[in-house]
Amino acid sequence: MPRQKNPQPIHAEFVDEPAPLAIPVPHKEHEHRIDPYRTLPGAMPDAIVPTGKRKRGRPRKDDAEAMVRAEAKRKLQKYDRYLDALIALQGDTDAALAVVNGISPQEAMDRHDELLIDVQAGVPASSMVEMMKRRDLDKAARITLIRKWAYSANPAASLKALDMLSDLEEGTADTGSYEQYVKLAMAE
């Protein structure tokens, strides 16, 4: 590729005062202002259109939210029945699936994977705290049980119970680092 020659300077005349720009004149007052609350032109999708406030009382048959909540509640109840049957049958999953679904144990054994997936669909709707309260394993029940062992004649069990109580106490709001600092500052 051949080399380019040095470019020649361009001679132009400069005007001291620029010409005024052509700006369209508004026909109406505030024509160019945009109202932020005005609906945009065009159709809105159904998902964006507000459906109004949810009415109290019985849900309608076509209320999608109520149907989803009812389905989640049904799955949770089925999962709870499965857990109760599993405990009663000492861990026999096929028999528990048969009891929950009302089928024979042989059919439950044949359809084990399908039925287990159906039953476990209620797991996301269940709350661990709620399950523990139902089984009487909430914090108050655990503290009562640990208190029984704290006054035991066995010193190892007593020490372990006191250690477990201190572990349970660490989760409370009054034992953070700031609270410890305040206690130390007030003691001095």
Protein backbone atom coordinates (compact mmCIF):
# COMPACT_ATOMS: atom_id res chain seq x y z
CA MET A 1 0.00 0.00 0.00
CA PRO A 2 1.48 3.37 -0.97
CA ARG A 3 2.15 5.99 1.61
CA GLN A 4 -0.27 8.84 1.94
CA LYS A 5 0.88 12.34 1.49
CA ASN A 6 0.48 14.88 4.26
CA PRO A 7 -3.07 16.20 4.21
CA GLN A 8 -3.56 19.71 2.89
CA PRO A 9 -4.99 22.23 5.40
CA ILE A 10 -8.62 23.16 4.88
CA HIS A 11 -9.34 26.86 4.78
CA ALA A 12 -12.72 27.81 6.27
CA GLU A 13 -14.31 31.02 7.29
CA PHE A 14 -15.45 31.28 10.89
CA VAL A 15 -18.56 33.25 11.81
CA ASP A 16 -18.47 35.06 15.12
CA GLU A 17 -22.20 34.65 15.82
CA PRO A 18 -23.86 31.28 15.20
CA ALA A 19 -27.21 31.17 13.45
CA PRO A 20 -30.24 30.43 15.67
CA LEU A 21 -31.36 26.79 15.75
CA ALA A 22 -34.74 25.89 14.34
CA ILE A 23 -36.88 24.69 17.29
CA PRO A 24 -40.47 23.67 16.62
CA VAL A 25 -43.01 25.94 18.21
CA PRO A 26 -45.49 24.07 20.45
CA HIS A 27 -49.07 24.31 19.31
CA LYS A 28 -50.54 23.89 22.78
CA GLU A 29 -49.26 24.86 26.18
CA HIS A 30 -47.08 22.12 27.77
CA GLU A 31 -47.28 19.94 24.66
CA HIS A 32 -43.75 18.64 25.07
CA ARG A 33 -44.01 17.74 28.74
CA ILE A 34 -44.61 14.06 29.46
CA ASP A 35 -46.99 13.12 32.23
CA PRO A 36 -45.34 10.26 34.17
CA TYR A 37 -48.71 8.99 35.40
CA ARG A 38 -50.37 8.83 31.99
CA THR A 39 -50.92 5.35 30.58
CA LEU A 40 -48.60 4.55 27.71
CA PRO A 41 -50.16 4.05 24.31
CA GLY A 42 -50.85 0.50 23.19
CA ALA A 43 -52.37 -2.59 24.72
CA MET A 44 -51.20 -3.88 28.09
CA PRO A 45 -50.64 -7.59 28.69
CA ASP A 46 -53.08 -9.38 30.99
CA ALA A 47 -50.35 -10.03 33.57
CA ILE A 48 -49.76 -6.32 34.11
CA VAL A 49 -53.38 -5.21 34.27
CA PRO A 50 -54.36 -4.97 37.95
CA THR A 51 -57.25 -7.27 38.84
CA GLY A 52 -58.37 -5.28 41.86
CA LYS A 53 -58.33 -6.07 45.54
CA ARG A 54 -58.89 -9.61 46.72
CA LYS A 55 -62.30 -9.92 48.26
CA ARG A 56 -62.68 -11.52 51.64
CA GLY A 57 -64.78 -14.55 52.23
CA ARG A 58 -65.15 -17.59 50.05
CA PRO A 59 -62.90 -17.65 47.00
CA ARG A 60 -64.53 -17.93 43.60
CA LYS A 61 -64.07 -21.08 41.55
CA ASP A 62 -61.95 -19.26 38.99
CA ASP A 63 -59.69 -17.51 41.54
CA ALA A 64 -56.21 -18.75 40.58
CA GLU A 65 -54.49 -17.67 43.82
CA ALA A 66 -57.07 -19.47 45.95
CA MET A 67 -56.67 -22.60 43.85
CA VAL A 68 -52.87 -22.51 44.29
CA ARG A 69 -53.22 -22.04 48.07
CA ALA A 70 -55.74 -24.88 48.30
CA GLU A 71 -53.47 -27.18 46.30
CA ALA A 72 -50.47 -26.33 48.53
CA LYS A 73 -52.59 -27.00 51.62
CA ARG A 74 -53.72 -30.36 50.20
CA LYS A 75 -50.11 -31.36 49.44
CA LEU A 76 -49.00 -30.32 52.94
CA GLN A 77 -51.78 -32.38 54.57
CA LYS A 78 -50.83 -35.40 52.44
CA TYR A 79 -47.17 -35.01 53.43
CA ASP A 80 -48.15 -34.75 57.12
CA ARG A 81 -50.25 -37.93 56.82
CA TYR A 82 -47.27 -39.66 55.18
CA LEU A 83 -44.94 -38.63 58.03
CA ASP A 84 -47.44 -39.84 60.64
CA ALA A 85 -47.87 -43.17 58.80
CA LEU A 86 -44.10 -43.51 58.42
CA ILE A 87 -43.65 -43.07 62.17
CA ALA A 88 -46.48 -45.48 62.99
CA LEU A 89 -45.13 -48.12 60.59
CA GLN A 90 -41.57 -47.72 61.91
CA GLY A 91 -40.02 -46.43 58.70
CA ASP A 92 -41.65 -48.74 56.14
CA THR A 93 -42.01 -46.34 53.20
CA ASP A 94 -44.00 -48.67 50.95
CA ALA A 95 -46.59 -49.35 53.65
CA ALA A 96 -46.79 -45.65 54.52
CA LEU A 97 -47.33 -44.76 50.85
CA ALA A 98 -50.04 -47.42 50.65
CA VAL A 99 -51.84 -46.00 53.70
CA VAL A 100 -51.65 -42.39 52.48
CA ASN A 101 -52.84 -43.16 48.93
CA GLY A 102 -55.36 -45.84 49.93
CA ILE A 103 -53.89 -48.58 47.76
CA SER A 104 -52.47 -52.04 48.39
CA PRO A 105 -48.87 -52.40 49.61
CA GLN A 106 -47.95 -54.35 46.46
CA GLU A 107 -49.20 -51.54 44.21
CA ALA A 108 -47.36 -49.01 46.38
CA MET A 109 -44.17 -51.03 45.99
CA ASP A 110 -44.61 -51.11 42.19
CA ARG A 111 -45.29 -47.36 41.95
CA HIS A 112 -42.86 -46.38 44.77
CA ASP A 113 -40.96 -43.61 42.93
CA GLU A 114 -44.06 -41.97 41.48
CA LEU A 115 -45.94 -41.97 44.79
CA LEU A 116 -42.93 -40.74 46.75
CA ILE A 117 -42.49 -37.77 44.38
CA ASP A 118 -46.20 -36.97 44.73
CA VAL A 119 -46.05 -37.12 48.54
CA GLN A 120 -42.85 -35.10 48.78
CA ALA A 121 -44.39 -32.30 46.71
CA GLY A 122 -45.73 -31.00 50.05
CA VAL A 123 -42.26 -30.45 51.52
CA PRO A 124 -41.83 -26.84 50.25
CA ALA A 125 -45.15 -25.86 51.81
CA SER A 126 -44.20 -27.25 55.22
CA SER A 127 -42.41 -25.23 57.84
CA MET A 128 -39.78 -26.85 60.04
CA VAL A 129 -40.86 -24.81 63.05
CA GLU A 130 -44.47 -25.84 62.51
CA MET A 131 -43.50 -29.51 62.21
CA MET A 132 -41.45 -29.37 65.39
CA LYS A 133 -44.33 -27.77 67.31
CA ARG A 134 -46.72 -30.44 66.08
CA ARG A 135 -44.34 -33.17 67.24
CA ASP A 136 -43.78 -31.35 70.57
CA LEU A 137 -40.15 -30.61 69.78
CA ASP A 138 -40.25 -26.82 69.91
CA LYS A 139 -37.83 -24.82 72.05
CA ALA A 140 -39.98 -24.87 75.20
CA ALA A 141 -40.37 -28.65 75.06
CA ARG A 142 -36.64 -29.14 74.50
CA ILE A 143 -35.80 -26.89 77.46
CA THR A 144 -38.20 -28.86 79.68
CA LEU A 145 -36.55 -32.12 78.69
CA ILE A 146 -33.04 -30.71 79.18
CA ARG A 147 -34.06 -29.35 82.60
CA LYS A 148 -34.95 -32.89 83.65
CA TRP A 149 -31.42 -34.04 82.78
CA ALA A 150 -29.77 -30.98 84.35
CA TYR A 151 -30.85 -32.19 87.80
CA SER A 152 -29.86 -35.79 87.09
CA ALA A 153 -27.74 -37.86 89.49
CA ASN A 154 -25.39 -38.63 86.62
CA PRO A 155 -22.81 -35.78 86.56
CA ALA A 156 -21.95 -36.30 82.87
CA ALA A 157 -25.61 -35.99 81.84
CA SER A 158 -26.00 -32.93 84.06
CA LEU A 159 -22.97 -31.20 82.54
CA LYS A 160 -24.07 -32.05 79.00
CA ALA A 161 -27.59 -30.71 79.72
CA LEU A 162 -26.16 -27.43 81.03
CA ASP A 163 -23.94 -27.21 77.95
CA MET A 164 -26.97 -27.74 75.70
CA LEU A 165 -28.91 -25.05 77.58
CA SER A 166 -26.10 -22.56 77.04
CA ASP A 167 -26.13 -23.47 73.32
CA LEU A 168 -29.88 -22.80 73.17
CA GLU A 169 -29.37 -19.51 74.99
CA GLU A 170 -26.80 -18.27 72.44
CA GLY A 171 -29.55 -17.80 69.89
CA THR A 172 -31.33 -15.14 71.95
CA ALA A 173 -31.09 -11.44 71.18
CA ASP A 174 -29.49 -10.36 74.47
CA THR A 175 -26.22 -12.25 74.04
CA GLY A 176 -24.68 -10.45 71.05
CA SER A 177 -21.28 -8.82 71.08
CA TYR A 178 -22.70 -5.34 71.72
CA GLU A 179 -24.69 -6.58 74.73
CA GLN A 180 -21.58 -8.23 76.16
CA TYR A 181 -19.69 -4.97 75.68
CA VAL A 182 -22.40 -3.02 77.53
CA LYS A 183 -22.37 -5.53 80.40
CA LEU A 184 -18.59 -5.24 80.71
CA ALA A 185 -18.68 -1.45 80.48
CA MET A 186 -21.38 -1.18 83.13
CA ALA A 187 -19.52 -3.56 85.45
CA GLU A 188 -16.40 -1.36 85.54
